[in-house]
PDB file of N, CA and C in Angstrom:
ATOM      1  N   MET A   1       9.277 -15.720  16.032  1.00  0.00           N
ATOM      2  CA  MET A   1      10.185 -15.564  14.972  1.00  0.00           C
ATOM      3  C   MET A   1      10.531 -14.129  14.770  1.00  0.00           C
ATOM      4  N   LEU A   2      11.787 -13.797  14.661  1.00  0.00           N
ATOM      5  CA  LEU A   2      12.252 -12.437  14.415  1.00  0.00           C
ATOM      6  C   LEU A   2      12.156 -12.113  13.016  1.00  0.00           C
ATOM      7  N   ARG A   3      11.811 -10.891  12.741  1.00  0.00           N
ATOM      8  CA  ARG A   3      11.677 -10.395  11.363  1.00  0.00           C
ATOM      9  C   ARG A   3      12.952  -9.665  10.983  1.00  0.00           C
ATOM     10  N   THR A   4      13.405  -9.986   9.793  1.00  0.00           N
ATOM     11  CA  THR A   4      14.562  -9.236   9.272  1.00  0.00           C
ATOM     12  C   THR A   4      14.174  -7.881   8.757  1.00  0.00           C
ATOM     13  N   PRO A   5      15.147  -6.951   8.667  1.00  0.00           N
ATOM     14  CA  PRO A   5      14.821  -5.627   8.140  1.00  0.00           C
ATOM     15  C   PRO A   5      14.095  -5.713   6.758  1.00  0.00           C
ATOM     16  N   GLN A   6      14.504  -6.680   5.947  1.00  0.00           N
ATOM     17  CA  GLN A   6      13.851  -6.807   4.607  1.00  0.00           C
ATOM     18  C   GLN A   6      12.374  -6.988   4.714  1.00  0.00           C
ATOM     19  N   ASN A   7      11.903  -7.756   5.736  1.00  0.00           N
ATOM     20  CA  ASN A   7      10.512  -8.089   5.827  1.00  0.00           C
ATOM     21  C   ASN A   7       9.698  -6.925   6.438  1.00  0.00           C
ATOM     22  N   LYS A   8      10.310  -6.020   7.173  1.00  0.00           N
ATOM     23  CA  LYS A   8       9.582  -4.938   7.798  1.00  0.00           C
ATOM     24  C   LYS A   8       8.842  -4.054   6.817  1.00  0.00           C
ATOM     25  N   PRO A   9       9.430  -3.548   5.740  1.00  0.00           N
ATOM     26  CA  PRO A   9       8.718  -2.751   4.786  1.00  0.00           C
ATOM     27  C   PRO A   9       7.502  -3.545   4.154  1.00  0.00           C
ATOM     28  N   ASN A  10       7.715  -4.827   3.916  1.00  0.00           N
ATOM     29  CA  ASN A  10       6.640  -5.623   3.323  1.00  0.00           C
ATOM     30  C   ASN A  10       5.527  -5.762   4.289  1.00  0.00           C
ATOM     31  N   LEU A  11       5.812  -5.917   5.555  1.00  0.00           N
ATOM     32  CA  LEU A  11       4.757  -6.020   6.573  1.00  0.00           C
ATOM     33  C   LEU A  11       3.967  -4.744   6.679  1.00  0.00           C
ATOM     34  N   ILE A  12       4.691  -3.612   6.707  1.00  0.00           N
ATOM     35  CA  ILE A  12       4.062  -2.299   6.716  1.00  0.00           C
ATOM     36  C   ILE A  12       3.097  -2.117   5.513  1.00  0.00           C
ATOM     37  N   ILE A  13       3.590  -2.503   4.342  1.00  0.00           N
ATOM     38  CA  ILE A  13       2.797  -2.388   3.086  1.00  0.00           C
ATOM     39  C   ILE A  13       1.498  -3.290   3.240  1.00  0.00           C
ATOM     40  N   TYR A  14       1.684  -4.493   3.678  1.00  0.00           N
ATOM     41  CA  TYR A  14       0.578  -5.433   3.821  1.00  0.00           C
ATOM     42  C   TYR A  14      -0.456  -4.803   4.797  1.00  0.00           C
ATOM     43  N   GLN A  15      -0.009  -4.352   5.981  1.00  0.00           N
ATOM     44  CA  GLN A  15      -0.944  -3.801   6.963  1.00  0.00           C
ATOM     45  C   GLN A  15      -1.590  -2.548   6.438  1.00  0.00           C
ATOM     46  N   THR A  16      -0.929  -1.757   5.696  1.00  0.00           N
ATOM     47  CA  THR A  16      -1.502  -0.504   5.138  1.00  0.00           C
ATOM     48  C   THR A  16      -2.592  -0.866   4.170  1.00  0.00           C
ATOM     49  N   ILE A  17      -2.285  -1.798   3.322  1.00  0.00           N
ATOM     50  CA  ILE A  17      -3.273  -2.237   2.296  1.00  0.00           C
ATOM     51  C   ILE A  17      -4.528  -2.801   2.918  1.00  0.00           C
ATOM     52  N   GLU A  18      -4.341  -3.582   3.980  1.00  0.00           N
ATOM     53  CA  GLU A  18      -5.471  -4.153   4.692  1.00  0.00           C
ATOM     54  C   GLU A  18      -6.299  -3.095   5.373  1.00  0.00           C
ATOM     55  N   ARG A  19      -5.637  -2.081   6.002  1.00  0.00           N
ATOM     56  CA  ARG A  19      -6.375  -1.015   6.627  1.00  0.00           C
ATOM     57  C   ARG A  19      -7.173  -0.210   5.602  1.00  0.00           C
ATOM     58  N   ILE A  20      -6.512   0.065   4.467  1.00  0.00           N
ATOM     59  CA  ILE A  20      -7.191   0.944   3.436  1.00  0.00           C
ATOM     60  C   ILE A  20      -8.442   0.191   2.882  1.00  0.00           C
ATOM     61  N   THR A  21      -8.287  -1.084   2.600  1.00  0.00           N
ATOM     62  CA  THR A  21      -9.437  -1.824   1.992  1.00  0.00           C
ATOM     63  C   THR A  21     -10.581  -2.060   2.966  1.00  0.00           C
ATOM     64  N   SER A  22     -10.211  -2.203   4.239  1.00  0.00           N
ATOM     65  CA  SER A  22     -11.234  -2.418   5.262  1.00  0.00           C
ATOM     66  C   SER A  22     -12.013  -1.105   5.642  1.00  0.00           C
ATOM     67  N   SER A  23     -11.248   0.038   5.564  1.00  0.00           N
ATOM     68  CA  SER A  23     -11.871   1.297   5.892  1.00  0.00           C
ATOM     69  C   SER A  23     -12.494   1.945   4.718  1.00  0.00           C
ATOM     70  N   GLY A  24     -12.031   1.706   3.542  1.00  0.00           N
ATOM     71  CA  GLY A  24     -12.533   2.335   2.357  1.00  0.00           C
ATOM     72  C   GLY A  24     -11.985   3.709   2.132  1.00  0.00           C
ATOM     73  N   LYS A  25     -10.896   4.009   2.881  1.00  0.00           N
ATOM     74  CA  LYS A  25     -10.334   5.381   2.823  1.00  0.00           C
ATOM     75  C   LYS A  25      -8.820   5.324   2.587  1.00  0.00           C
ATOM     76  N   LEU A  26      -8.308   6.210   1.777  1.00  0.00           N
ATOM     77  CA  LEU A  26      -6.887   6.340   1.533  1.00  0.00           C
ATOM     78  C   LEU A  26      -6.433   7.671   2.033  1.00  0.00           C
ATOM     79  N   SER A  27      -5.553   7.701   3.004  1.00  0.00           N
ATOM     80  CA  SER A  27      -5.032   9.012   3.543  1.00  0.00           C
ATOM     81  C   SER A  27      -3.866   9.459   2.697  1.00  0.00           C
ATOM     82  N   ARG A  28      -3.574  10.742   2.859  1.00  0.00           N
ATOM     83  CA  ARG A  28      -2.452  11.302   2.111  1.00  0.00           C
ATOM     84  C   ARG A  28      -1.107  10.545   2.520  1.00  0.00           C
ATOM     85  N   ARG A  29      -0.995  10.196   3.792  1.00  0.00           N
ATOM     86  CA  ARG A  29       0.221   9.512   4.266  1.00  0.00           C
ATOM     87  C   ARG A  29       0.308   8.121   3.640  1.00  0.00           C
ATOM     88  N   ASP A  30      -0.832   7.430   3.554  1.00  0.00           N
ATOM     89  CA  ASP A  30      -0.864   6.103   2.898  1.00  0.00           C
ATOM     90  C   ASP A  30      -0.536   6.215   1.395  1.00  0.00           C
ATOM     91  N   TYR A  31      -1.059   7.217   0.782  1.00  0.00           N
ATOM     92  CA  TYR A  31      -0.803   7.440  -0.660  1.00  0.00           C
ATOM     93  C   TYR A  31       0.676   7.645  -0.856  1.00  0.00           C
ATOM     94  N   LEU A  32       1.325   8.437   0.017  1.00  0.00           N
ATOM     95  CA  LEU A  32       2.737   8.765  -0.171  1.00  0.00           C
ATOM     96  C   LEU A  32       3.561   7.496   0.085  1.00  0.00           C
ATOM     97  N   LEU A  33       3.197   6.696   1.069  1.00  0.00           N
ATOM     98  CA  LEU A  33       3.917   5.446   1.320  1.00  0.00           C
ATOM     99  C   LEU A  33       3.776   4.463   0.109  1.00  0.00           C
ATOM    100  N   LEU A  34       2.601   4.260  -0.411  1.00  0.00           N
ATOM    101  CA  LEU A  34       2.426   3.343  -1.499  1.00  0.00           C
ATOM    102  C   LEU A  34       3.105   3.902  -2.761  1.00  0.00           C
ATOM    103  N   THR A  35       3.004   5.158  -3.045  1.00  0.00           N
ATOM    104  CA  THR A  35       3.654   5.697  -4.218  1.00  0.00           C
ATOM    105  C   THR A  35       5.142   5.645  -4.143  1.00  0.00           C
ATOM    106  N   SER A  36       5.695   5.995  -3.016  1.00  0.00           N
ATOM    107  CA  SER A  36       7.144   5.980  -2.861  1.00  0.00           C
ATOM    108  C   SER A  36       7.654   4.550  -2.932  1.00  0.00           C
ATOM    109  N   THR A  37       6.889   3.538  -2.462  1.00  0.00           N
ATOM    110  CA  THR A  37       7.255   2.173  -2.520  1.00  0.00           C
ATOM    111  C   THR A  37       7.333   1.754  -3.941  1.00  0.00           C
ATOM    112  N   LEU A  38       6.312   2.109  -4.703  1.00  0.00           N
ATOM    113  CA  LEU A  38       6.375   1.750  -6.144  1.00  0.00           C
ATOM    114  C   LEU A  38       7.550   2.408  -6.899  1.00  0.00           C
ATOM    115  N   LEU A  39       7.803   3.638  -6.587  1.00  0.00           N
ATOM    116  CA  LEU A  39       8.821   4.383  -7.328  1.00  0.00           C
ATOM    117  C   LEU A  39      10.274   4.159  -6.834  1.00  0.00           C
ATOM    118  N   SER A  40      10.416   3.596  -5.686  1.00  0.00           N
ATOM    119  CA  SER A  40      11.717   3.436  -5.089  1.00  0.00           C
ATOM    120  C   SER A  40      12.308   2.127  -5.623  1.00  0.00           C
ATOM    121  N   ASP A  41      13.562   1.891  -5.283  1.00  0.00           N
ATOM    122  CA  ASP A  41      14.212   0.650  -5.673  1.00  0.00           C
ATOM    123  C   ASP A  41      13.992  -0.472  -4.640  1.00  0.00           C
ATOM    124  N   GLU A  42      13.081  -0.305  -3.734  1.00  0.00           N
ATOM    125  CA  GLU A  42      12.831  -1.328  -2.765  1.00  0.00           C
ATOM    126  C   GLU A  42      12.405  -2.553  -3.464  1.00  0.00           C
ATOM    127  N   LYS A  43      12.739  -3.689  -2.879  1.00  0.00           N
ATOM    128  CA  LYS A  43      12.339  -4.961  -3.572  1.00  0.00           C
ATOM    129  C   LYS A  43      10.954  -5.301  -3.030  1.00  0.00           C
ATOM    130  N   ILE A  44      10.001  -5.277  -3.919  1.00  0.00           N
ATOM    131  CA  ILE A  44       8.644  -5.775  -3.559  1.00  0.00           C
ATOM    132  C   ILE A  44       8.270  -6.829  -4.528  1.00  0.00           C
ATOM    133  N   THR A  45       7.373  -7.708  -4.082  1.00  0.00           N
ATOM    134  CA  THR A  45       6.925  -8.807  -4.936  1.00  0.00           C
ATOM    135  C   THR A  45       5.945  -8.318  -6.004  1.00  0.00           C
ATOM    136  N   ASP A  46       5.702  -9.177  -6.922  1.00  0.00           N
ATOM    137  CA  ASP A  46       4.737  -8.840  -7.998  1.00  0.00           C
ATOM    138  C   ASP A  46       3.355  -8.756  -7.371  1.00  0.00           C
ATOM    139  N   GLU A  47       3.130  -9.623  -6.336  1.00  0.00           N
ATOM    140  CA  GLU A  47       1.804  -9.589  -5.633  1.00  0.00           C
ATOM    141  C   GLU A  47       1.648  -8.234  -4.887  1.00  0.00           C
ATOM    142  N   GLU A  48       2.669  -7.738  -4.213  1.00  0.00           N
ATOM    143  CA  GLU A  48       2.558  -6.483  -3.517  1.00  0.00           C
ATOM    144  C   GLU A  48       2.370  -5.312  -4.546  1.00  0.00           C
ATOM    145  N   ARG A  49       3.051  -5.394  -5.637  1.00  0.00           N
ATOM    146  CA  ARG A  49       2.867  -4.389  -6.687  1.00  0.00           C
ATOM    147  C   ARG A  49       1.453  -4.386  -7.219  1.00  0.00           C
ATOM    148  N   HIS A  50       0.964  -5.589  -7.384  1.00  0.00           N
ATOM    149  CA  HIS A  50      -0.436  -5.730  -7.886  1.00  0.00           C
ATOM    150  C   HIS A  50      -1.427  -5.141  -6.846  1.00  0.00           C
ATOM    151  N   GLN A  51      -1.229  -5.446  -5.576  1.00  0.00           N
ATOM    152  CA  GLN A  51      -2.130  -4.918  -4.525  1.00  0.00           C
ATOM    153  C   GLN A  51      -2.072  -3.378  -4.468  1.00  0.00           C
ATOM    154  N   ILE A  52      -0.856  -2.819  -4.604  1.00  0.00           N
ATOM    155  CA  ILE A  52      -0.777  -1.343  -4.538  1.00  0.00           C
ATOM    156  C   ILE A  52      -1.502  -0.759  -5.752  1.00  0.00           C
ATOM    157  N   ASN A  53      -1.270  -1.311  -6.915  1.00  0.00           N
ATOM    158  CA  ASN A  53      -1.975  -0.850  -8.132  1.00  0.00           C
ATOM    159  C   ASN A  53      -3.455  -1.023  -7.984  1.00  0.00           C
ATOM    160  N   ARG A  54      -3.962  -2.019  -7.312  1.00  0.00           N
ATOM    161  CA  ARG A  54      -5.343  -2.267  -7.127  1.00  0.00           C
ATOM    162  C   ARG A  54      -5.947  -1.146  -6.288  1.00  0.00           C
ATOM    163  N   ILE A  55      -5.195  -0.695  -5.282  1.00  0.00           N
ATOM    164  CA  ILE A  55      -5.624   0.413  -4.390  1.00  0.00           C
ATOM    165  C   ILE A  55      -5.842   1.641  -5.200  1.00  0.00           C
ATOM    166  N   PHE A  56      -4.892   1.972  -6.133  1.00  0.00           N
ATOM    167  CA  PHE A  56      -4.964   3.167  -6.982  1.00  0.00           C
ATOM    168  C   PHE A  56      -6.143   3.015  -7.944  1.00  0.00           C
ATOM    169  N   ASP A  57      -6.347   1.816  -8.454  1.00  0.00           N
ATOM    170  CA  ASP A  57      -7.477   1.566  -9.347  1.00  0.00           C
ATOM    171  C   ASP A  57      -8.798   1.832  -8.662  1.00  0.00           C
ATOM    172  N   TYR A  58      -8.886   1.377  -7.374  1.00  0.00           N
ATOM    173  CA  TYR A  58     -10.118   1.552  -6.594  1.00  0.00           C
ATOM    174  C   TYR A  58     -10.378   3.045  -6.374  1.00  0.00           C
ATOM    175  N   VAL A  59      -9.354   3.855  -6.182  1.00  0.00           N
ATOM    176  CA  VAL A  59      -9.567   5.303  -6.029  1.00  0.00           C
ATOM    177  C   VAL A  59     -10.121   5.910  -7.321  1.00  0.00           C
ATOM    178  N   GLN A  60      -9.628   5.472  -8.443  1.00  0.00           N
ATOM    179  CA  GLN A  60     -10.006   5.983  -9.720  1.00  0.00           C
ATOM    180  C   GLN A  60     -11.494   5.701 -10.026  1.00  0.00           C
ATOM    181  N   VAL A  61     -11.893   4.463  -9.694  1.00  0.00           N
ATOM    182  CA  VAL A  61     -13.322   4.114  -9.935  1.00  0.00           C
ATOM    183  C   VAL A  61     -14.288   4.472  -8.819  1.00  0.00           C
ATOM    184  N   GLY A  62     -13.740   5.079  -7.740  1.00  0.00           N
ATOM    185  CA  GLY A  62     -14.609   5.504  -6.674  1.00  0.00           C
ATOM    186  C   GLY A  62     -14.906   4.523  -5.579  1.00  0.00           C
ATOM    187  N   ARG A  63     -14.242   3.386  -5.551  1.00  0.00           N
ATOM    188  CA  ARG A  63     -14.472   2.422  -4.522  1.00  0.00           C
ATOM    189  C   ARG A  63     -13.757   2.779  -3.204  1.00  0.00           C
ATOM    190  N   LEU A  64     -12.797   3.683  -3.277  1.00  0.00           N
ATOM    191  CA  LEU A  64     -12.112   4.188  -2.086  1.00  0.00           C
ATOM    192  C   LEU A  64     -12.168   5.747  -2.078  1.00  0.00           C
ATOM    193  N   LYS A  65     -12.243   6.314  -0.954  1.00  0.00           N
ATOM    194  CA  LYS A  65     -12.206   7.750  -0.840  1.00  0.00           C
ATOM    195  C   LYS A  65     -10.801   8.212  -0.449  1.00  0.00           C
ATOM    196  N   PHE A  66     -10.377   9.302  -1.081  1.00  0.00           N
ATOM    197  CA  PHE A  66      -9.120   9.899  -0.792  1.00  0.00           C
ATOM    198  C   PHE A  66      -9.319  10.976   0.238  1.00  0.00           C
ATOM    199  N   VAL A  67      -8.805  10.805   1.477  1.00  0.00           N
ATOM    200  CA  VAL A  67      -9.042  11.744   2.572  1.00  0.00           C
ATOM    201  C   VAL A  67      -7.724  12.302   3.120  1.00  0.00           C
ATOM    202  N   ASP A  68      -7.844  13.378   3.841  1.00  0.00           N
ATOM    203  CA  ASP A  68      -6.673  13.941   4.528  1.00  0.00           C
ATOM    204  C   ASP A  68      -6.625  13.478   5.932  1.00  0.00           C
TER     205      ASP A  68
END
């Protein structure tokens, strides 16, 4: 099945979130990707928005490390 351009950013976000949660680390690049996704006019689902916010919450409570 071919992916449309609309699905590509969503796939990248999903893969990024999976990598962050499995490694326990948030890189500066990942942080910028997630932040820009939230602040841009890109269409993301409520579930994706929730997952991104959960990543930031995990950083605040120390469940994820912020690394360069």
